[in-house]
């Protein structure tokens, strides 16, 4: 076996399997080292609908579908002091290719992903533990690992290492600085139940998230009529649980949550009581010389939105694209490419974290949760409930729906309605802008060089960068519109100047103008 690889991946969970599979698909020579033998137990069983698209990217969606995992079409909440249940469905998210996620047992699910990596050409060594790394001039160039069974040691060289080792963070823990989130230092206590009640029809596989005085519960329906049921507590309430005894506290807390207790009247607990720290954190850098971190090795967020697998696979995808770009074109600036990776991954992490903060903030109305999501989602004119569902569904690439529209002139009907608001006389953003009002360029943005994802590589692309950190693709349509904006021309005239007789082209120009106004690139010249 060769001891020289393009990439070595530490960890065979969803992040490691995703990144290694995609790199092998790109023709890279990849070694994956996993200290356990799969299947192995792991918590984190609920997948978002956005994860289905990532499963498709690595060619495993059909296998997951055929495995009989429970499908999840939505989430039911009892949150805060208002005890009225409310349900949201993934089908109502914006521009999501799938209207369902899966509830999975992580042992067989993770094994399916790891076996898929093997099938795609990754050299996978289970029961092999990484014990050290070698650096030359501050750059990681090799890993030392050993067989768990025999203790035999090996050294493998690599151009790049991906740290997908989970919360242990084999490399990031040694070379990075971890910052704990003081607001999200929670603990989880959970077990598994047989024959817990489930609704019929579309809601049968929903995650159920009820709160009670001391914290909140997850209720995740799995195969074979098994349900994962866990409680998340802050440190103060966890201290009380330890004093009472975790099992006694867990069972007592169920009785203090009547909506949950009712579902378990005919059920029995069939597993041990388990405990895990759910402290959220992030490392100061998700990459360094010769390595890049994915999933929990880079950052971890509270499990409220069931984002663990999704963020692991998303970061695995982004890491694979980034490293494949550097390996394909060594003249590319490593720091620029990897900074793009961290910016994209951290943006998703931070957006979800802000929504978790808000739900923990004690607001009583579901409408307040929806409006907060609307304020953080960068899809123009999305309805508040749509924004909330889109965030918790795990939309990543699809937030750039306008780019797809302008590239392919295709967009779902419900998104096109959003872009047409300005020309139907509706309000755009926070202010009504008449189609007859001259437009001017605002002063809170600039054009800068960045990247766009193109298959399994990044290509240079310009973006409109705002002072608050947002960005928009600087497309050909946007360039045309800005070049014609002179402080005297209104929206209707811009369409005439930038479009042609083709109605589809006019439609894409119109959508871009609406996007520019909504995001504040263009503002009313009458101000």
Protein backbone atom coordinates (compact mmCIF):
# COMPACT_ATOMS: atom_id res chain seq x y z
CA UNK A 1 0.00 0.00 0.00
CA UNK A 2 1.27 3.46 -0.94
CA UNK A 3 2.31 5.79 1.85
CA UNK A 4 1.84 8.96 -0.23
CA UNK A 5 -1.63 10.47 -0.78
CA UNK A 6 -3.18 13.61 -2.13
CA UNK A 7 -5.39 13.81 0.95
CA UNK A 8 -5.65 11.90 4.23
CA UNK A 9 -8.92 12.15 6.14
CA UNK A 10 -9.08 11.64 9.91
CA UNK A 11 -12.50 10.23 10.82
CA UNK A 12 -15.11 8.22 8.96
CA UNK A 13 -18.28 10.02 10.09
CA UNK A 14 -20.54 11.95 7.67
CA UNK A 15 -18.03 14.81 7.21
CA UNK A 16 -15.10 12.52 6.53
CA UNK A 17 -17.10 10.22 4.27
CA UNK A 18 -18.48 13.13 2.26
CA UNK A 19 -15.17 14.91 1.71
CA UNK A 20 -13.26 11.72 0.87
CA UNK A 21 -15.93 10.49 -1.57
CA UNK A 22 -16.02 13.74 -3.51
CA UNK A 23 -12.24 14.01 -3.66
CA UNK A 24 -12.02 10.43 -4.96
CA UNK A 25 -14.67 11.34 -7.55
CA UNK A 26 -12.35 14.15 -8.63
CA UNK A 27 -9.55 11.63 -9.20
CA UNK A 28 -7.66 12.22 -5.96
CA UNK A 29 -5.77 9.51 -4.09
CA UNK A 30 -7.43 9.51 -0.65
CA UNK A 31 -6.76 7.60 2.59
CA UNK A 32 -9.38 7.65 5.36
CA UNK A 33 -8.39 6.57 8.89
CA UNK A 34 -11.12 5.62 11.37
CA UNK A 35 -10.35 4.34 14.87
CA UNK A 36 -13.69 2.51 15.30
CA UNK A 37 -15.21 -0.34 13.35
CA UNK A 38 -18.52 0.57 11.74
CA UNK A 39 -21.35 0.33 12.56
CA UNK A 40 -20.81 2.04 15.88
CA UNK A 41 -23.25 3.94 18.08
CA UNK A 42 -23.59 7.70 17.66
CA UNK A 43 -26.23 10.24 18.67
CA UNK A 44 -27.59 12.81 16.20
CA UNK A 45 -30.31 10.91 14.36
CA UNK A 46 -32.48 13.55 12.71
CA UNK A 47 -31.51 14.76 9.23
CA UNK A 48 -32.66 17.95 7.52
CA UNK A 49 -34.27 18.00 4.10
CA UNK A 50 -31.28 19.94 2.80
CA UNK A 51 -29.12 16.94 3.71
CA UNK A 52 -30.87 14.87 1.05
CA UNK A 53 -29.27 17.03 -1.63
CA UNK A 54 -25.83 16.40 -0.09
CA UNK A 55 -26.54 12.66 -0.04
CA UNK A 56 -27.28 12.91 -3.75
CA UNK A 57 -23.97 14.68 -4.37
CA UNK A 58 -22.05 11.68 -3.03
CA UNK A 59 -24.25 9.18 -4.88
CA UNK A 60 -25.85 7.58 -1.84
CA UNK A 61 -29.38 9.04 -1.71
CA UNK A 62 -30.99 6.03 -3.39
CA UNK A 63 -29.31 3.67 -0.94
CA UNK A 64 -30.53 5.72 2.01
CA UNK A 65 -34.03 5.73 0.52
CA UNK A 66 -33.98 1.96 0.07
CA UNK A 67 -32.78 1.38 3.63
CA UNK A 68 -36.22 2.06 5.04
CA UNK A 69 -35.30 4.90 7.38
CA UNK A 70 -38.26 6.89 8.69
CA UNK A 71 -39.04 9.95 6.56
CA UNK A 72 -39.44 13.30 8.26
CA UNK A 73 -41.64 15.86 6.52
CA UNK A 74 -41.73 18.47 9.25
CA UNK A 75 -41.21 19.51 12.85
CA UNK A 76 -43.87 19.98 15.54
CA UNK A 77 -43.18 22.48 18.32
CA UNK A 78 -44.54 23.32 21.74
CA UNK A 79 -42.25 26.17 22.60
CA UNK A 80 -42.29 28.69 25.42
CA UNK A 81 -45.26 29.52 27.61
CA UNK A 82 -47.77 29.02 24.81
CA UNK A 83 -48.65 25.30 24.95
CA UNK A 84 -50.45 25.20 21.61
CA UNK A 85 -48.58 22.86 19.20
CA UNK A 86 -47.56 24.20 15.81
CA UNK A 87 -46.05 22.35 12.87
CA UNK A 88 -43.88 23.46 9.96
CA UNK A 89 -43.27 21.39 6.83
CA UNK A 90 -40.17 21.27 4.66
CA UNK A 91 -42.34 21.48 1.55
CA UNK A 92 -42.91 25.15 2.41
CA UNK A 93 -39.20 26.00 2.37
CA UNK A 94 -37.90 28.11 -0.50
CA UNK A 95 -36.11 26.40 -3.38
CA UNK A 96 -35.47 23.09 -1.62
CA UNK A 97 -35.17 20.12 -4.00
CA UNK A 98 -36.61 17.66 -1.44
CA UNK A 99 -39.53 18.11 0.93
CA UNK A 100 -38.35 15.52 3.46
CA UNK A 101 -35.45 14.50 5.63
CA UNK A 102 -34.72 11.18 7.34
CA UNK A 103 -34.71 9.92 10.91
CA UNK A 104 -31.77 7.51 11.01
CA UNK A 105 -29.96 5.21 13.37
CA UNK A 106 -26.48 6.61 13.03
CA UNK A 107 -24.70 3.26 13.27
CA UNK A 108 -26.07 1.81 10.01
CA UNK A 109 -26.40 5.24 8.38
CA UNK A 110 -22.76 6.18 8.95
CA UNK A 111 -21.63 2.72 7.81
CA UNK A 112 -23.61 3.18 4.59
CA UNK A 113 -21.77 6.46 3.92
CA UNK A 114 -18.37 4.96 4.77
CA UNK A 115 -18.96 1.90 2.56
CA UNK A 116 -19.99 4.29 -0.21
CA UNK A 117 -16.64 6.08 0.14
CA UNK A 118 -14.88 2.74 -0.39
CA UNK A 119 -16.95 2.09 -3.49
CA UNK A 120 -15.89 5.45 -4.88
CA UNK A 121 -12.21 4.56 -4.54
CA UNK A 122 -11.25 5.82 -1.08
CA UNK A 123 -8.75 3.66 0.81
CA UNK A 124 -10.56 3.16 4.14
CA UNK A 125 -8.77 1.75 7.19
CA UNK A 126 -11.05 1.10 10.14
CA UNK A 127 -9.64 0.32 13.56
CA UNK A 128 -6.68 2.57 12.82
CA UNK A 129 -6.00 5.46 15.15
CA UNK A 130 -4.04 8.60 14.30
CA UNK A 131 -1.44 9.23 16.98
CA UNK A 132 0.58 12.12 15.61
CA UNK A 133 1.49 14.36 12.72
CA UNK A 134 4.73 15.55 11.18
CA UNK A 135 5.36 19.17 10.21
CA UNK A 136 7.96 20.72 7.94
CA UNK A 137 8.36 24.49 8.18
CA UNK A 138 5.08 24.63 10.09
CA UNK A 139 3.14 22.65 7.50
CA UNK A 140 1.59 19.23 8.14
CA UNK A 141 3.09 16.78 5.65
CA UNK A 142 2.46 13.35 7.20
CA UNK A 143 0.40 11.46 9.79
CA UNK A 144 1.48 8.66 12.09
CA UNK A 145 -1.18 6.05 12.84
CA UNK A 146 -1.44 2.63 14.41
CA UNK A 147 -3.60 -0.46 14.25
CA UNK A 148 -5.90 -0.57 17.27
CA UNK A 149 -5.68 -4.36 17.30
CA UNK A 150 -1.95 -4.98 16.77
CA UNK A 151 -0.34 -1.67 17.68
CA UNK A 152 1.61 -1.70 14.41
CA UNK A 153 2.59 1.84 13.48
CA UNK A 154 2.71 3.46 10.05
CA UNK A 155 3.51 6.84 8.55
CA UNK A 156 1.62 8.20 5.53
CA UNK A 157 2.50 11.40 3.68
CA UNK A 158 -0.10 13.75 2.24
CA UNK A 159 -0.40 17.04 0.41
CA UNK A 160 -3.41 17.81 2.61
CA UNK A 161 -5.07 16.46 5.74
CA UNK A 162 -8.77 16.80 6.56
CA UNK A 163 -9.54 16.75 10.27
CA UNK A 164 -13.00 15.15 10.48
CA UNK A 165 -12.36 13.67 13.92
CA UNK A 166 -15.43 15.20 15.56
CA UNK A 167 -15.44 16.99 18.88
CA UNK A 168 -12.06 15.50 19.68
CA UNK A 169 -10.54 17.70 16.97
CA UNK A 170 -7.26 15.79 16.68
CA UNK A 171 -5.47 18.58 14.80
CA UNK A 172 -7.55 21.65 15.66
CA UNK A 173 -7.33 20.89 19.37
CA UNK A 174 -3.52 20.99 19.16
CA UNK A 175 -3.02 23.81 16.66
CA UNK A 176 -6.12 25.96 17.16
CA UNK A 177 -7.84 27.88 19.93
CA UNK A 178 -11.35 26.78 20.91
CA UNK A 179 -13.84 29.34 22.19
CA UNK A 180 -16.86 28.04 24.12
CA UNK A 181 -20.20 29.79 23.66
CA UNK A 182 -21.15 30.98 27.14
CA UNK A 183 -24.83 31.16 26.17
CA UNK A 184 -25.03 27.57 24.94
CA UNK A 185 -23.43 25.38 27.62
CA UNK A 186 -26.07 22.66 27.70
CA UNK A 187 -26.21 18.97 28.57
CA UNK A 188 -28.34 16.20 27.09
CA UNK A 189 -29.85 13.15 28.79
CA UNK A 190 -31.57 10.59 26.57
CA UNK A 191 -32.66 7.03 25.97
CA UNK A 192 -34.79 4.93 23.61
CA UNK A 193 -38.41 3.84 23.92
CA UNK A 194 -40.48 1.10 22.30
CA UNK A 195 -44.08 1.61 21.15
CA UNK A 196 -44.32 5.35 21.82
CA UNK A 197 -47.40 6.88 20.19
CA UNK A 198 -47.08 8.35 16.69
CA UNK A 199 -49.57 10.29 14.59
CA UNK A 200 -50.79 8.87 11.31
CA UNK A 201 -50.05 10.07 7.82
CA UNK A 202 -47.64 12.87 6.94
CA UNK A 203 -46.83 13.70 10.57
CA UNK A 204 -45.85 10.15 11.60
CA UNK A 205 -42.13 10.81 11.19
CA UNK A 206 -42.04 14.39 12.46
CA UNK A 207 -39.58 15.46 15.09
CA UNK A 208 -41.47 16.70 18.16
CA UNK A 209 -39.85 19.48 20.24
CA UNK A 210 -41.76 20.32 23.44
CA UNK A 211 -40.43 22.54 26.21
CA UNK A 212 -40.97 22.28 29.96
CA UNK A 213 -39.87 24.33 32.96
CA UNK A 214 -36.26 23.05 32.99
CA UNK A 215 -35.43 22.70 29.28
CA UNK A 216 -36.66 21.09 26.08
CA UNK A 217 -37.13 17.60 24.60
CA UNK A 218 -36.40 15.90 21.33
CA UNK A 219 -38.73 13.12 20.20
CA UNK A 220 -37.39 11.36 17.10
CA UNK A 221 -39.29 8.41 15.56
CA UNK A 222 -36.94 5.67 14.28
CA UNK A 223 -37.45 2.30 12.58
CA UNK A 224 -38.97 -0.73 14.33
CA UNK A 225 -41.21 1.53 16.42
CA UNK A 226 -38.26 2.81 18.45
CA UNK A 227 -38.23 6.48 19.47
CA UNK A 228 -35.21 8.50 20.58
CA UNK A 229 -36.24 10.79 23.45
CA UNK A 230 -33.82 13.24 25.04
CA UNK A 231 -33.90 16.29 27.25
CA UNK A 232 -31.55 19.28 26.89
CA UNK A 233 -30.75 21.24 30.07
CA UNK A 234 -28.64 24.21 31.01
CA UNK A 235 -25.85 23.74 33.55
CA UNK A 236 -27.97 24.78 36.54
CA UNK A 237 -30.71 22.27 35.80
CA UNK A 238 -28.18 19.58 34.94
CA UNK A 239 -26.66 20.05 38.38
CA UNK A 240 -30.11 19.35 39.83
CA UNK A 241 -30.37 16.26 37.64
CA UNK A 242 -27.07 14.95 38.99
CA UNK A 243 -28.24 15.56 42.54
CA UNK A 244 -31.49 13.71 41.97
CA UNK A 245 -29.91 11.03 39.76
CA UNK A 246 -30.01 11.27 35.97
CA UNK A 247 -32.47 8.40 35.46
CA UNK A 248 -34.81 9.63 38.20
CA UNK A 249 -34.63 13.19 36.86
CA UNK A 250 -35.22 12.02 33.26
CA UNK A 251 -38.34 9.98 34.14
CA UNK A 252 -39.67 12.68 36.45
CA UNK A 253 -39.15 15.38 33.81
CA UNK A 254 -41.24 13.34 31.37
CA UNK A 255 -44.14 13.43 33.82
CA UNK A 256 -43.66 17.19 34.16
CA UNK A 257 -44.15 17.52 30.40
CA UNK A 258 -47.77 16.34 30.00
CA UNK A 259 -47.76 16.47 26.19
CA UNK A 260 -44.80 14.06 26.19
CA UNK A 261 -46.02 11.83 29.02
CA UNK A 262 -49.24 11.20 27.11
CA UNK A 263 -47.31 9.83 24.14
CA UNK A 264 -45.48 7.34 26.38
CA UNK A 265 -48.45 5.88 28.26
CA UNK A 266 -48.16 2.54 26.42
CA UNK A 267 -44.39 2.69 25.81
CA UNK A 268 -41.43 1.17 27.62
CA UNK A 269 -37.84 2.30 27.92
CA UNK A 270 -35.54 -0.20 26.20
CA UNK A 271 -32.03 1.20 26.58
CA UNK A 272 -29.69 2.74 29.12
CA UNK A 273 -29.83 6.40 30.11
CA UNK A 274 -27.10 8.29 28.25
CA UNK A 275 -25.54 11.68 28.95
CA UNK A 276 -23.52 14.02 26.71
CA UNK A 277 -22.18 17.56 26.84
CA UNK A 278 -23.79 19.83 24.24
CA UNK A 279 -21.54 22.86 24.70
CA UNK A 280 -21.37 24.95 21.56
CA UNK A 281 -17.95 26.17 20.41
CA UNK A 282 -15.92 27.31 17.46
CA UNK A 283 -12.19 27.25 16.69
CA UNK A 284 -10.39 30.44 15.75
CA UNK A 285 -9.46 28.99 12.36
CA UNK A 286 -10.95 26.13 10.37
CA UNK A 287 -7.69 25.57 8.47
CA UNK A 288 -3.94 25.86 8.69
CA UNK A 289 -0.83 24.94 6.72
CA UNK A 290 -1.55 21.56 5.16
CA UNK A 291 -4.89 20.89 6.86
CA UNK A 292 -8.57 21.83 6.90
CA UNK A 293 -11.19 20.98 9.56
CA UNK A 294 -14.77 19.89 8.88
CA UNK A 295 -17.83 19.25 11.03
CA UNK A 296 -17.38 19.27 14.79
CA UNK A 297 -13.60 19.50 14.42
CA UNK A 298 -14.20 23.12 13.35
CA UNK A 299 -17.31 24.12 15.30
CA UNK A 300 -20.30 22.65 17.13
CA UNK A 301 -23.76 24.06 17.68
CA UNK A 302 -26.60 23.23 20.05
CA UNK A 303 -28.72 20.32 18.70
CA UNK A 304 -32.03 22.24 18.64
CA UNK A 305 -32.30 22.26 14.84
CA UNK A 306 -30.75 18.80 14.28
CA UNK A 307 -27.97 20.32 12.21
CA UNK A 308 -25.04 18.08 13.21
CA UNK A 309 -25.00 15.70 10.22
CA UNK A 310 -26.01 18.47 7.84
CA UNK A 311 -23.19 20.81 8.86
CA UNK A 312 -20.70 17.92 8.79
CA UNK A 313 -21.69 16.95 5.25
CA UNK A 314 -21.94 20.55 4.07
CA UNK A 315 -18.47 21.37 5.37
CA UNK A 316 -17.21 18.08 3.89
CA UNK A 317 -18.56 19.14 0.51
CA UNK A 318 -17.03 22.64 0.78
CA UNK A 319 -13.70 21.26 1.97
CA UNK A 320 -13.52 18.79 -0.92
CA UNK A 321 -14.27 21.53 -3.46
CA UNK A 322 -11.68 23.83 -1.88
CA UNK A 323 -8.89 21.24 -1.74
CA UNK A 324 -9.65 19.96 -5.22
CA UNK A 325 -9.30 23.52 -6.49
CA UNK A 326 -5.87 23.92 -4.88
CA UNK A 327 -4.68 20.48 -6.05
CA UNK A 328 -5.87 21.20 -9.59
CA UNK A 329 -4.25 24.61 -9.76
CA UNK A 330 -1.33 25.02 -7.32
CA UNK A 331 -0.99 28.65 -8.39
CA UNK A 332 -4.24 29.42 -6.56
CA UNK A 333 -3.75 31.25 -3.30
CA UNK A 334 -4.27 28.68 -0.54
CA UNK A 335 -5.20 31.34 1.98
CA UNK A 336 -7.83 32.88 -0.31
CA UNK A 337 -9.44 29.54 -1.15
CA UNK A 338 -9.46 28.32 2.45
CA UNK A 339 -10.69 31.68 3.72
CA UNK A 340 -13.62 31.30 1.33
CA UNK A 341 -14.25 27.86 2.85
CA UNK A 342 -14.26 29.20 6.39
CA UNK A 343 -16.42 32.17 5.46
CA UNK A 344 -19.06 29.93 3.85
CA UNK A 345 -19.08 27.35 6.65
CA UNK A 346 -19.04 29.90 9.46
CA UNK A 347 -21.87 31.87 7.85
CA UNK A 348 -24.13 28.81 7.98
CA UNK A 349 -23.06 27.99 11.53
CA UNK A 350 -23.60 31.57 12.71
CA UNK A 351 -26.98 31.94 11.03
CA UNK A 352 -28.24 28.82 12.77
CA UNK A 353 -26.70 29.89 16.07
CA UNK A 354 -28.48 33.24 15.95
CA UNK A 355 -31.81 31.46 15.41
CA UNK A 356 -31.07 29.13 18.36
CA UNK A 357 -30.33 32.19 20.52
CA UNK A 358 -33.66 33.67 19.57
CA UNK A 359 -35.67 30.55 20.36
CA UNK A 360 -33.95 30.31 23.72
CA UNK A 361 -34.78 33.96 24.37
CA UNK A 362 -38.22 33.29 25.83
CA UNK A 363 -40.41 34.72 23.06
CA UNK A 364 -43.96 33.41 23.22
CA UNK A 365 -45.19 33.75 19.67
CA UNK A 366 -44.25 31.52 16.77
CA UNK A 367 -44.66 34.61 14.58
CA UNK A 368 -41.74 36.24 16.40
CA UNK A 369 -39.55 33.24 15.52
CA UNK A 370 -40.66 33.51 11.91
CA UNK A 371 -39.89 37.23 11.70
CA UNK A 372 -36.47 36.82 13.25
CA UNK A 373 -35.66 34.21 10.59
CA UNK A 374 -36.95 36.59 7.92
CA UNK A 375 -34.50 39.22 9.11
CA UNK A 376 -31.53 36.84 8.84
CA UNK A 377 -32.34 35.07 5.56
CA UNK A 378 -30.91 36.59 2.39
CA UNK A 379 -33.77 35.72 0.06
CA UNK A 380 -35.54 38.94 -0.93
CA UNK A 381 -39.15 39.35 0.23
CA UNK A 382 -39.50 35.84 1.63
CA UNK A 383 -42.50 35.44 3.90
CA UNK A 384 -41.53 35.09 7.58
CA UNK A 385 -42.73 31.49 7.93
CA UNK A 386 -41.00 30.52 4.69
CA UNK A 387 -37.78 32.06 5.98
CA UNK A 388 -37.95 30.10 9.26
CA UNK A 389 -38.60 26.81 7.47
CA UNK A 390 -35.87 27.48 4.91
CA UNK A 391 -33.29 28.01 7.66
CA UNK A 392 -34.23 24.91 9.68
CA UNK A 393 -34.51 22.83 6.49
CA UNK A 394 -30.80 23.34 5.79
CA UNK A 395 -30.87 25.41 2.62
CA UNK A 396 -27.35 26.27 1.48
CA UNK A 397 -26.80 26.53 -2.25
CA UNK A 398 -30.44 27.37 -2.74
CA UNK A 399 -30.23 30.70 -0.99
CA UNK A 400 -28.45 31.79 -4.18
CA UNK A 401 -31.59 31.00 -6.12
CA UNK A 402 -31.25 34.25 -8.08
CA UNK A 403 -27.92 33.05 -9.52
CA UNK A 404 -29.54 29.88 -10.79
CA UNK A 405 -32.35 31.93 -12.27
CA UNK A 406 -30.02 34.21 -14.16
CA UNK A 407 -27.76 31.39 -15.32
CA UNK A 408 -30.47 28.99 -16.47
CA UNK A 409 -33.54 31.21 -16.64
CA UNK A 410 -35.32 28.72 -14.45
CA UNK A 411 -36.94 29.37 -11.08
CA UNK A 412 -39.85 27.80 -9.18
CA UNK A 413 -43.12 29.69 -9.49
CA UNK A 414 -43.27 30.63 -5.81
CA UNK A 415 -39.81 32.24 -6.03
CA UNK A 416 -40.65 34.09 -9.21
CA UNK A 417 -43.62 35.65 -7.44
CA UNK A 418 -41.20 37.05 -4.87
CA UNK A 419 -39.07 38.71 -7.52
CA UNK A 420 -42.07 40.16 -9.30
CA UNK A 421 -43.26 42.16 -6.27
CA UNK A 422 -41.87 45.50 -7.34
CA UNK A 423 -43.60 45.38 -10.70
CA UNK A 424 -46.94 44.37 -9.21
CA UNK A 425 -46.95 47.57 -7.16
CA UNK A 426 -46.02 45.76 -3.95
CA UNK A 427 -43.57 46.93 -1.29
CA UNK A 428 -39.92 46.03 -1.78
CA UNK A 429 -37.77 45.66 1.31
CA UNK A 430 -38.65 48.20 3.97
CA UNK A 431 -39.72 50.92 1.53
CA UNK A 432 -42.04 51.19 -1.44
CA UNK A 433 -40.12 52.03 -4.60
CA UNK A 434 -42.27 53.05 -7.54
CA UNK A 435 -41.39 51.69 -10.96
CA UNK A 436 -41.30 55.28 -12.18
CA UNK A 437 -38.79 56.44 -9.55
CA UNK A 438 -35.21 57.05 -10.75
CA UNK A 439 -32.67 54.74 -9.09
CA UNK A 440 -29.19 55.50 -7.77
CA UNK A 441 -26.39 53.30 -6.44
CA UNK A 442 -26.08 53.23 -2.66
CA UNK A 443 -22.74 53.70 -0.89
CA UNK A 444 -22.72 50.61 1.42
CA UNK A 445 -21.20 48.07 -0.97
CA UNK A 446 -18.23 47.43 -3.20
CA UNK A 447 -17.26 44.86 -5.78
CA UNK A 448 -14.56 42.40 -4.72
CA UNK A 449 -12.95 39.21 -5.98
CA UNK A 450 -14.22 35.92 -4.52
CA UNK A 451 -15.18 32.44 -5.70
CA UNK A 452 -18.19 30.55 -7.01
CA UNK A 453 -18.73 26.80 -6.76
CA UNK A 454 -18.60 25.16 -10.18
CA UNK A 455 -18.99 21.39 -9.89
CA UNK A 456 -16.14 20.12 -7.70
CA UNK A 457 -14.00 23.23 -8.12
CA UNK A 458 -14.08 26.89 -7.26
CA UNK A 459 -13.75 29.44 -10.00
CA UNK A 460 -12.89 33.11 -9.53
CA UNK A 461 -15.98 35.30 -9.39
CA UNK A 462 -16.81 38.84 -8.44
CA UNK A 463 -19.30 39.56 -5.66
CA UNK A 464 -21.04 42.63 -4.33
CA UNK A 465 -19.80 42.84 -0.75
CA UNK A 466 -21.80 44.83 1.81
CA UNK A 467 -20.46 46.57 4.89
CA UNK A 468 -22.50 44.21 7.12
CA UNK A 469 -20.84 41.08 5.70
CA UNK A 470 -23.50 40.05 3.21
CA UNK A 471 -22.61 39.37 -0.40
CA UNK A 472 -24.34 38.86 -3.73
CA UNK A 473 -22.96 37.34 -6.94
CA UNK A 474 -21.90 40.07 -9.35
CA UNK A 475 -23.58 38.57 -12.38
CA UNK A 476 -23.63 39.75 -15.96
CA UNK A 477 -27.17 41.05 -15.43
CA UNK A 478 -26.15 42.99 -12.33
CA UNK A 479 -23.21 44.49 -14.21
CA UNK A 480 -25.50 45.63 -17.03
CA UNK A 481 -27.98 47.20 -14.63
CA UNK A 482 -25.37 49.05 -12.59
CA UNK A 483 -23.69 50.38 -15.72
CA UNK A 484 -27.02 51.89 -16.84
CA UNK A 485 -27.98 53.31 -13.44
CA UNK A 486 -27.29 57.05 -13.67
CA UNK A 487 -29.67 58.61 -11.13
CA UNK A 488 -32.20 59.49 -13.85
CA UNK A 489 -33.32 56.04 -15.07
CA UNK A 490 -36.18 54.11 -13.46
CA UNK A 491 -36.83 50.37 -13.27
CA UNK A 492 -38.95 50.14 -16.39
CA UNK A 493 -36.38 52.02 -18.45
CA UNK A 494 -33.58 49.80 -17.09
CA UNK A 495 -35.43 46.71 -18.34
CA UNK A 496 -35.72 48.31 -21.75
CA UNK A 497 -32.03 49.26 -21.83
CA UNK A 498 -30.66 45.95 -20.51
CA UNK A 499 -33.09 43.45 -21.99
CA UNK A 500 -34.18 42.51 -25.47
CA UNK A 501 -37.35 41.21 -27.09
CA UNK A 502 -36.99 37.83 -25.34
CA UNK A 503 -39.45 37.71 -22.42
CA UNK A 504 -37.26 35.34 -20.43
CA UNK A 505 -34.33 37.75 -20.65
CA UNK A 506 -36.59 40.62 -19.61
CA UNK A 507 -37.82 38.53 -16.71
CA UNK A 508 -34.29 37.85 -15.47
CA UNK A 509 -33.39 41.56 -15.75
CA UNK A 510 -36.52 42.46 -13.83
CA UNK A 511 -35.67 39.94 -11.09
CA UNK A 512 -32.15 41.32 -10.81
CA UNK A 513 -33.42 44.87 -10.43
CA UNK A 514 -35.75 43.73 -7.67
CA UNK A 515 -32.87 41.90 -6.00
CA UNK A 516 -30.69 45.02 -6.21
CA UNK A 517 -33.39 47.20 -4.63
CA UNK A 518 -34.28 44.69 -1.93
CA UNK A 519 -30.64 44.30 -0.84
CA UNK A 520 -29.96 48.03 -0.99
CA UNK A 521 -27.60 48.01 -3.97
CA UNK A 522 -29.96 50.47 -5.64
CA UNK A 523 -32.09 53.01 -3.80
CA UNK A 524 -34.64 55.64 -4.73
CA UNK A 525 -33.14 58.71 -6.33
CA UNK A 526 -35.83 60.85 -4.71
CA UNK A 527 -34.41 60.40 -1.20
